[in-house]
Amino acid sequence: ACLDLYTGRADHDLNVRLYRPRILGGRWRWVMYDMDLWAPANENSVERMASSTSAETPYVPQYLQHPELQAKLLGRMSALLATALSPVQASTLADSLYGSHHTALYADYNRWKDEIACPEPSISHAALHTFIVERPAHLTEYLSAATGRKLRKFIVEAPATAYGTLMIEGLELAPGENEVIGFSGAVMRVEFAPAEGCELMGWKGDGSTEQVVTIDPARLRTLRPLLRMALP
């Protein structure tokens, strides 16, 4: 659901397959494919998908109308936009894919350019970079309007990986200052797993001494784990 909302996939109600492993505790999951129809960065995919009258993937209307699932969806989106879908990480991934498949992309382009209208791969690559940079601000504004939850920006400072791993909603944050765009009342789970020889003393900005803290973006400005090296 988060990826569909992020990409604004024009055919969000199509090109999806569901499956569930036939094992004890197997969970329903869905797989998206044929991702060629992305929307512009400023397209309100939240409004479009929420206006659906049928129960279709990615079930955005149902999520937004359910208080608990709405908060989980917003928390997950905030975490993704601060990690895998952040401009830095998403741009790095786009550059890596373009570099790895550059030859194949141009071979495909040269094969079809005289038969169908298609942009040169370098143009698509540049357009994707623009989308990656502009999309988070638009998407969070649309989600805020749809849910009535105010946007709250806060900073989570992650230490160097030598000291441990800091995660938000189960996703690893990069070392340094990470800006998170959260939603008031949509609590998020932050966890620090210290490396060997390092101890967590508490959290600056929260006051807790627990390894896992639950934060409300409306009540937080900065969050940083307080660490010390364990005595031998």
C-alpha atoms as a PDB file:
ATOM      1  CA  ALA A   1       0.000   0.000   0.000  1.00  0.00           C
ATOM      2  CA  CYS A   2       2.836   2.401   0.847  1.00  0.00           C
ATOM      3  CA  LEU A   3       4.611   1.721  -2.437  1.00  0.00           C
ATOM      4  CA  ASP A   4       1.421   2.134  -4.449  1.00  0.00           C
ATOM      5  CA  LEU A   5       0.743   5.473  -2.760  1.00  0.00           C
ATOM      6  CA  TYR A   6       4.354   6.575  -3.218  1.00  0.00           C
ATOM      7  CA  THR A   7       4.573   5.744  -6.918  1.00  0.00           C
ATOM      8  CA  GLY A   8       1.021   6.849  -7.604  1.00  0.00           C
ATOM      9  CA  ARG A   9       0.705   3.842  -9.886  1.00  0.00           C
ATOM     10  CA  ALA A  10      -2.050   4.698 -12.341  1.00  0.00           C
ATOM     11  CA  ASP A  11      -3.310   1.115 -12.564  1.00  0.00           C
ATOM     12  CA  HIS A  12      -3.243   0.427  -8.829  1.00  0.00           C
ATOM     13  CA  ASP A  13      -6.389  -1.686  -9.078  1.00  0.00           C
ATOM     14  CA  LEU A  14      -4.800  -3.983 -11.694  1.00  0.00           C
ATOM     15  CA  ASN A  15      -1.621  -5.997 -12.115  1.00  0.00           C
ATOM     16  CA  VAL A  16      -1.593  -7.512  -8.643  1.00  0.00           C
ATOM     17  CA  ARG A  17      -1.432 -11.116  -7.547  1.00  0.00           C
ATOM     18  CA  LEU A  18      -2.243 -12.398  -4.068  1.00  0.00           C
ATOM     19  CA  TYR A  19      -0.710 -15.388  -2.382  1.00  0.00           C
ATOM     20  CA  ARG A  20      -0.422 -17.054   1.005  1.00  0.00           C
ATOM     21  CA  PRO A  21       2.108 -19.788   1.908  1.00  0.00           C
ATOM     22  CA  ARG A  22       0.348 -23.034   2.802  1.00  0.00           C
ATOM     23  CA  ILE A  23       2.062 -23.312   6.148  1.00  0.00           C
ATOM     24  CA  LEU A  24       0.937 -22.726   9.711  1.00  0.00           C
ATOM     25  CA  GLY A  25       0.722 -18.991  10.223  1.00  0.00           C
ATOM     26  CA  GLY A  26       1.061 -18.231   6.491  1.00  0.00           C
ATOM     27  CA  ARG A  27       0.046 -14.634   5.812  1.00  0.00           C
ATOM     28  CA  TRP A  28      -1.682 -13.140   2.803  1.00  0.00           C
ATOM     29  CA  ARG A  29       0.634 -10.997   0.705  1.00  0.00           C
ATOM     30  CA  TRP A  30       0.424  -9.346  -2.674  1.00  0.00           C
ATOM     31  CA  VAL A  31       2.918  -8.743  -5.443  1.00  0.00           C
ATOM     32  CA  MET A  32       2.788  -5.753  -7.794  1.00  0.00           C
ATOM     33  CA  TYR A  33       4.074  -5.916 -11.354  1.00  0.00           C
ATOM     34  CA  ASP A  34       4.124  -3.831 -14.550  1.00  0.00           C
ATOM     35  CA  MET A  35       5.221  -0.609 -12.848  1.00  0.00           C
ATOM     36  CA  ASP A  36       5.592   1.459 -16.014  1.00  0.00           C
ATOM     37  CA  LEU A  37       2.699   3.836 -15.256  1.00  0.00           C
ATOM     38  CA  TRP A  38       3.936   6.158 -12.536  1.00  0.00           C
ATOM     39  CA  ALA A  39       2.131   9.393 -11.713  1.00  0.00           C
ATOM     40  CA  PRO A  40       3.761  12.847 -11.548  1.00  0.00           C
ATOM     41  CA  ALA A  41       5.314  13.772  -8.208  1.00  0.00           C
ATOM     42  CA  ASN A  42       2.460  16.159  -7.386  1.00  0.00           C
ATOM     43  CA  GLU A  43      -0.367  13.760  -8.287  1.00  0.00           C
ATOM     44  CA  ASN A  44      -2.754  13.142  -5.377  1.00  0.00           C
ATOM     45  CA  SER A  45      -2.699   9.360  -5.377  1.00  0.00           C
ATOM     46  CA  VAL A  46      -4.189   9.347  -1.862  1.00  0.00           C
ATOM     47  CA  GLU A  47      -7.401  11.026  -3.028  1.00  0.00           C
ATOM     48  CA  ARG A  48      -7.582   8.898  -6.178  1.00  0.00           C
ATOM     49  CA  MET A  49      -7.081   5.578  -4.421  1.00  0.00           C
ATOM     50  CA  ALA A  50      -9.266   6.539  -1.452  1.00  0.00           C
ATOM     51  CA  SER A  51     -12.193   7.320  -3.771  1.00  0.00           C
ATOM     52  CA  SER A  52     -12.504   3.709  -4.866  1.00  0.00           C
ATOM     53  CA  THR A  53     -15.875   2.122  -4.117  1.00  0.00           C
ATOM     54  CA  SER A  54     -14.684  -1.479  -4.387  1.00  0.00           C
ATOM     55  CA  ALA A  55     -12.327  -3.434  -2.145  1.00  0.00           C
ATOM     56  CA  GLU A  56      -9.329  -3.461  -4.467  1.00  0.00           C
ATOM     57  CA  THR A  57      -5.630  -3.529  -3.815  1.00  0.00           C
ATOM     58  CA  PRO A  58      -4.057  -1.671  -2.100  1.00  0.00           C
ATOM     59  CA  TYR A  59      -7.192  -1.196   0.070  1.00  0.00           C
ATOM     60  CA  VAL A  60      -6.376   2.438   0.842  1.00  0.00           C
ATOM     61  CA  PRO A  61      -9.987   3.413   1.726  1.00  0.00           C
ATOM     62  CA  GLN A  62     -10.200   0.599   4.276  1.00  0.00           C
ATOM     63  CA  TYR A  63      -6.857   1.499   5.844  1.00  0.00           C
ATOM     64  CA  LEU A  64      -7.686   5.182   6.124  1.00  0.00           C
ATOM     65  CA  GLN A  65     -11.082   4.508   7.690  1.00  0.00           C
ATOM     66  CA  HIS A  66      -9.729   2.136  10.357  1.00  0.00           C
ATOM     67  CA  PRO A  67      -8.162   4.086  13.265  1.00  0.00           C
ATOM     68  CA  GLU A  68      -5.521   1.484  14.152  1.00  0.00           C
ATOM     69  CA  LEU A  69      -4.597   0.564  10.579  1.00  0.00           C
ATOM     70  CA  GLN A  70      -4.539   4.232   9.549  1.00  0.00           C
ATOM     71  CA  ALA A  71      -1.931   4.959  12.220  1.00  0.00           C
ATOM     72  CA  LYS A  72       0.105   1.915  11.184  1.00  0.00           C
ATOM     73  CA  LEU A  73      -0.006   2.922   7.518  1.00  0.00           C
ATOM     74  CA  LEU A  74       1.143   6.466   8.316  1.00  0.00           C
ATOM     75  CA  GLY A  75       3.888   5.246  10.635  1.00  0.00           C
ATOM     76  CA  ARG A  76       5.156   2.817   8.021  1.00  0.00           C
ATOM     77  CA  MET A  77       5.097   5.495   5.330  1.00  0.00           C
ATOM     78  CA  SER A  78       7.037   7.907   7.532  1.00  0.00           C
ATOM     79  CA  ALA A  79       9.655   5.245   8.230  1.00  0.00           C
ATOM     80  CA  LEU A  80      10.035   4.379   4.538  1.00  0.00           C
ATOM     81  CA  LEU A  81      10.395   8.045   3.559  1.00  0.00           C
ATOM     82  CA  ALA A  82      13.177   8.358   6.129  1.00  0.00           C
ATOM     83  CA  THR A  83      15.005   5.216   4.980  1.00  0.00           C
ATOM     84  CA  ALA A  84      14.548   3.265   1.737  1.00  0.00           C
ATOM     85  CA  LEU A  85      12.452   5.979   0.042  1.00  0.00           C
ATOM     86  CA  SER A  86      14.467   8.945   1.286  1.00  0.00           C
ATOM     87  CA  PRO A  87      15.929  11.087  -1.516  1.00  0.00           C
ATOM     88  CA  VAL A  88      19.462   9.970  -0.664  1.00  0.00           C
ATOM     89  CA  GLN A  89      18.831   6.222  -0.492  1.00  0.00           C
ATOM     90  CA  ALA A  90      16.313   6.079  -3.346  1.00  0.00           C
ATOM     91  CA  SER A  91      18.602   8.135  -5.627  1.00  0.00           C
ATOM     92  CA  THR A  92      21.531   5.861  -4.821  1.00  0.00           C
ATOM     93  CA  LEU A  93      19.445   2.820  -5.720  1.00  0.00           C
ATOM     94  CA  ALA A  94      18.221   4.419  -8.959  1.00  0.00           C
ATOM     95  CA  ASP A  95      21.807   5.264  -9.960  1.00  0.00           C
ATOM     96  CA  SER A  96      22.946   1.740  -9.157  1.00  0.00           C
ATOM     97  CA  LEU A  97      20.187   0.137 -11.231  1.00  0.00           C
ATOM     98  CA  TYR A  98      20.791   2.513 -14.132  1.00  0.00           C
ATOM     99  CA  GLY A  99      24.519   1.828 -14.053  1.00  0.00           C
ATOM    100  CA  SER A 100      24.072  -1.936 -13.854  1.00  0.00           C
ATOM    101  CA  HIS A 101      21.509  -2.148 -16.664  1.00  0.00           C
ATOM    102  CA  HIS A 102      22.657   0.747 -18.838  1.00  0.00           C
ATOM    103  CA  THR A 103      23.608  -1.452 -21.791  1.00  0.00           C
ATOM    104  CA  ALA A 104      20.387  -3.470 -21.719  1.00  0.00           C
ATOM    105  CA  LEU A 105      18.259  -0.334 -21.351  1.00  0.00           C
ATOM    106  CA  TYR A 106      19.750   1.249 -24.445  1.00  0.00           C
ATOM    107  CA  ALA A 107      19.543  -1.997 -26.416  1.00  0.00           C
ATOM    108  CA  ASP A 108      15.818  -2.156 -25.655  1.00  0.00           C
ATOM    109  CA  TYR A 109      15.383   1.525 -26.467  1.00  0.00           C
ATOM    110  CA  ASN A 110      17.143   1.188 -29.830  1.00  0.00           C
ATOM    111  CA  ARG A 111      15.035  -1.870 -30.643  1.00  0.00           C
ATOM    112  CA  TRP A 112      11.709  -0.082 -30.133  1.00  0.00           C
ATOM    113  CA  LYS A 113      12.332   3.657 -30.656  1.00  0.00           C
ATOM    114  CA  ASP A 114      11.205   3.614 -34.296  1.00  0.00           C
ATOM    115  CA  GLU A 115       8.031   1.652 -33.547  1.00  0.00           C
ATOM    116  CA  ILE A 116       6.659   3.241 -30.363  1.00  0.00           C
ATOM    117  CA  ALA A 117       7.172   6.567 -28.628  1.00  0.00           C
ATOM    118  CA  CYS A 118       9.510   6.049 -25.679  1.00  0.00           C
ATOM    119  CA  PRO A 119      11.992   8.328 -23.906  1.00  0.00           C
ATOM    120  CA  GLU A 120      15.707   7.714 -23.994  1.00  0.00           C
ATOM    121  CA  PRO A 121      16.861   5.894 -20.819  1.00  0.00           C
ATOM    122  CA  SER A 122      18.926   8.864 -19.621  1.00  0.00           C
ATOM    123  CA  ILE A 123      15.791  11.048 -19.780  1.00  0.00           C
ATOM    124  CA  SER A 124      13.805   8.530 -17.747  1.00  0.00           C
ATOM    125  CA  HIS A 125      16.663   8.336 -15.265  1.00  0.00           C
ATOM    126  CA  ALA A 126      16.656  12.116 -14.813  1.00  0.00           C
ATOM    127  CA  ALA A 127      12.853  12.164 -14.461  1.00  0.00           C
ATOM    128  CA  LEU A 128      13.039   9.495 -11.773  1.00  0.00           C
ATOM    129  CA  HIS A 129      15.544  11.602  -9.823  1.00  0.00           C
ATOM    130  CA  THR A 130      13.157  14.557  -9.928  1.00  0.00           C
ATOM    131  CA  PHE A 131      10.303  12.366  -8.713  1.00  0.00           C
ATOM    132  CA  ILE A 132      12.408  10.978  -5.843  1.00  0.00           C
ATOM    133  CA  VAL A 133      13.297  14.461  -4.614  1.00  0.00           C
ATOM    134  CA  GLU A 134       9.831  16.015  -4.934  1.00  0.00           C
ATOM    135  CA  ARG A 135       7.499  13.158  -4.009  1.00  0.00           C
ATOM    136  CA  PRO A 136       7.842  12.979  -0.178  1.00  0.00           C
ATOM    137  CA  ALA A 137       6.607  16.532   0.467  1.00  0.00           C
ATOM    138  CA  HIS A 138       3.580  16.132  -1.807  1.00  0.00           C
ATOM    139  CA  LEU A 139       2.649  12.672  -0.537  1.00  0.00           C
ATOM    140  CA  THR A 140       2.815  13.573   3.150  1.00  0.00           C
ATOM    141  CA  GLU A 141       0.686  16.676   2.544  1.00  0.00           C
ATOM    142  CA  TYR A 142      -1.945  14.551   0.796  1.00  0.00           C
ATOM    143  CA  LEU A 143      -1.959  11.982   3.612  1.00  0.00           C
ATOM    144  CA  SER A 144      -2.238  14.756   6.189  1.00  0.00           C
ATOM    145  CA  ALA A 145      -5.246  16.256   4.388  1.00  0.00           C
ATOM    146  CA  ALA A 146      -6.927  12.859   4.025  1.00  0.00           C
ATOM    147  CA  THR A 147      -6.536  11.899   7.688  1.00  0.00           C
ATOM    148  CA  GLY A 148      -6.727  15.261   9.448  1.00  0.00           C
ATOM    149  CA  ARG A 149      -3.402  14.558  11.187  1.00  0.00           C
ATOM    150  CA  LYS A 150      -0.917  17.438  11.252  1.00  0.00           C
ATOM    151  CA  LEU A 151       2.549  16.904   9.837  1.00  0.00           C
ATOM    152  CA  ARG A 152       5.377  16.962  12.376  1.00  0.00           C
ATOM    153  CA  LYS A 153       9.034  16.951  11.388  1.00  0.00           C
ATOM    154  CA  PHE A 154      11.617  15.683  13.848  1.00  0.00           C
ATOM    155  CA  ILE A 155      15.239  14.561  13.798  1.00  0.00           C
ATOM    156  CA  VAL A 156      16.541  11.143  14.812  1.00  0.00           C
ATOM    157  CA  GLU A 157      20.302  11.064  15.303  1.00  0.00           C
ATOM    158  CA  ALA A 158      21.793   7.657  14.590  1.00  0.00           C
ATOM    159  CA  PRO A 159      25.310   6.826  15.806  1.00  0.00           C
ATOM    160  CA  ALA A 160      28.012   5.279  13.652  1.00  0.00           C
ATOM    161  CA  THR A 161      27.395   1.629  12.871  1.00  0.00           C
ATOM    162  CA  ALA A 162      30.352   0.667  15.052  1.00  0.00           C
ATOM    163  CA  TYR A 163      28.199   1.550  18.077  1.00  0.00           C
ATOM    164  CA  GLY A 164      25.072  -0.302  16.996  1.00  0.00           C
ATOM    165  CA  THR A 165      21.970  -0.123  14.806  1.00  0.00           C
ATOM    166  CA  LEU A 166      19.119   2.347  15.135  1.00  0.00           C
ATOM    167  CA  MET A 167      15.806   1.321  13.588  1.00  0.00           C
ATOM    168  CA  ILE A 168      12.487   3.062  13.078  1.00  0.00           C
ATOM    169  CA  GLU A 169       9.499   0.809  12.494  1.00  0.00           C
ATOM    170  CA  GLY A 170      11.991  -1.999  11.879  1.00  0.00           C
ATOM    171  CA  LEU A 171      13.896  -0.105   9.168  1.00  0.00           C
ATOM    172  CA  GLU A 172      17.543   0.844   9.695  1.00  0.00           C
ATOM    173  CA  LEU A 173      18.391   4.533   9.789  1.00  0.00           C
ATOM    174  CA  ALA A 174      21.616   5.784   8.252  1.00  0.00           C
ATOM    175  CA  PRO A 175      24.257   7.193  10.654  1.00  0.00           C
ATOM    176  CA  GLY A 176      23.898  10.919  11.260  1.00  0.00           C
ATOM    177  CA  GLU A 177      20.858  13.187  11.409  1.00  0.00           C
ATOM    178  CA  ASN A 178      17.727  11.738   9.802  1.00  0.00           C
ATOM    179  CA  GLU A 179      14.733  13.990   9.218  1.00  0.00           C
ATOM    180  CA  VAL A 180      11.458  12.158   9.721  1.00  0.00           C
ATOM    181  CA  ILE A 181       8.114  13.522   8.537  1.00  0.00           C
ATOM    182  CA  GLY A 182       5.589  12.120  10.971  1.00  0.00           C
ATOM    183  CA  PHE A 183       1.875  12.544  11.622  1.00  0.00           C
ATOM    184  CA  SER A 184       0.423  13.705  14.928  1.00  0.00           C
ATOM    185  CA  GLY A 185      -0.910  10.777  16.930  1.00  0.00           C
ATOM    186  CA  ALA A 186       0.514   8.151  14.578  1.00  0.00           C
ATOM    187  CA  VAL A 187       3.040   6.650  16.983  1.00  0.00           C
ATOM    188  CA  MET A 188       6.241   5.058  15.736  1.00  0.00           C
ATOM    189  CA  ARG A 189       8.513   2.405  17.211  1.00  0.00           C
ATOM    190  CA  VAL A 190      12.216   3.240  17.533  1.00  0.00           C
ATOM    191  CA  GLU A 191      14.759   0.654  18.638  1.00  0.00           C
ATOM    192  CA  PHE A 192      18.494   0.701  19.228  1.00  0.00           C
ATOM    193  CA  ALA A 193      20.526  -2.509  19.142  1.00  0.00           C
ATOM    194  CA  PRO A 194      23.948  -1.738  20.655  1.00  0.00           C
ATOM    195  CA  ALA A 195      27.074  -3.321  19.245  1.00  0.00           C
ATOM    196  CA  GLU A 196      29.256  -5.512  21.422  1.00  0.00           C
ATOM    197  CA  GLY A 197      31.050  -3.398  24.001  1.00  0.00           C
ATOM    198  CA  CYS A 198      28.489  -0.578  23.880  1.00  0.00           C
ATOM    199  CA  GLU A 199      25.614   0.137  26.276  1.00  0.00           C
ATOM    200  CA  LEU A 200      22.434   2.169  25.846  1.00  0.00           C
ATOM    201  CA  MET A 201      21.973   4.567  28.776  1.00  0.00           C
ATOM    202  CA  GLY A 202      18.743   6.168  27.595  1.00  0.00           C
ATOM    203  CA  TRP A 203      17.281   8.524  25.016  1.00  0.00           C
ATOM    204  CA  LYS A 204      17.797  12.255  24.696  1.00  0.00           C
ATOM    205  CA  GLY A 205      14.484  13.800  23.729  1.00  0.00           C
ATOM    206  CA  ASP A 206      12.349  11.046  25.220  1.00  0.00           C
ATOM    207  CA  GLY A 207      13.668  10.334  28.701  1.00  0.00           C
ATOM    208  CA  SER A 208      13.169   6.586  28.468  1.00  0.00           C
ATOM    209  CA  THR A 209      15.889   4.098  29.355  1.00  0.00           C
ATOM    210  CA  GLU A 210      14.298   1.225  27.418  1.00  0.00           C
ATOM    211  CA  GLN A 211      15.860  -0.272  24.311  1.00  0.00           C
ATOM    212  CA  VAL A 212      12.588   0.225  22.428  1.00  0.00           C
ATOM    213  CA  VAL A 213      10.622   3.466  22.639  1.00  0.00           C
ATOM    214  CA  THR A 214       7.274   4.454  21.157  1.00  0.00           C
ATOM    215  CA  ILE A 215       7.166   8.070  20.044  1.00  0.00           C
ATOM    216  CA  ASP A 216       4.432  10.460  18.991  1.00  0.00           C
ATOM    217  CA  PRO A 217       5.748  12.866  16.330  1.00  0.00           C
ATOM    218  CA  ALA A 218       3.568  15.625  17.821  1.00  0.00           C
ATOM    219  CA  ARG A 219       5.549  15.489  21.067  1.00  0.00           C
ATOM    220  CA  LEU A 220       9.096  15.181  19.795  1.00  0.00           C
ATOM    221  CA  ARG A 221      11.699  17.386  18.137  1.00  0.00           C
ATOM    222  CA  THR A 222      14.874  15.333  18.354  1.00  0.00           C
ATOM    223  CA  LEU A 223      15.727  11.831  19.465  1.00  0.00           C
ATOM    224  CA  ARG A 224      19.173  10.426  20.086  1.00  0.00           C
ATOM    225  CA  PRO A 225      20.402   7.318  21.928  1.00  0.00           C
ATOM    226  CA  LEU A 226      22.766   8.038  24.802  1.00  0.00           C
ATOM    227  CA  LEU A 227      25.615   5.543  24.758  1.00  0.00           C
ATOM    228  CA  ARG A 228      28.643   4.508  26.737  1.00  0.00           C
ATOM    229  CA  MET A 229      31.317   1.933  26.227  1.00  0.00           C
ATOM    230  CA  ALA A 230      30.951  -1.047  28.529  1.00  0.00           C
ATOM    231  CA  LEU A 231      33.718  -1.687  31.024  1.00  0.00           C
ATOM    232  CA  PRO A 232      35.863  -4.742  30.199  1.00  0.00           C
END
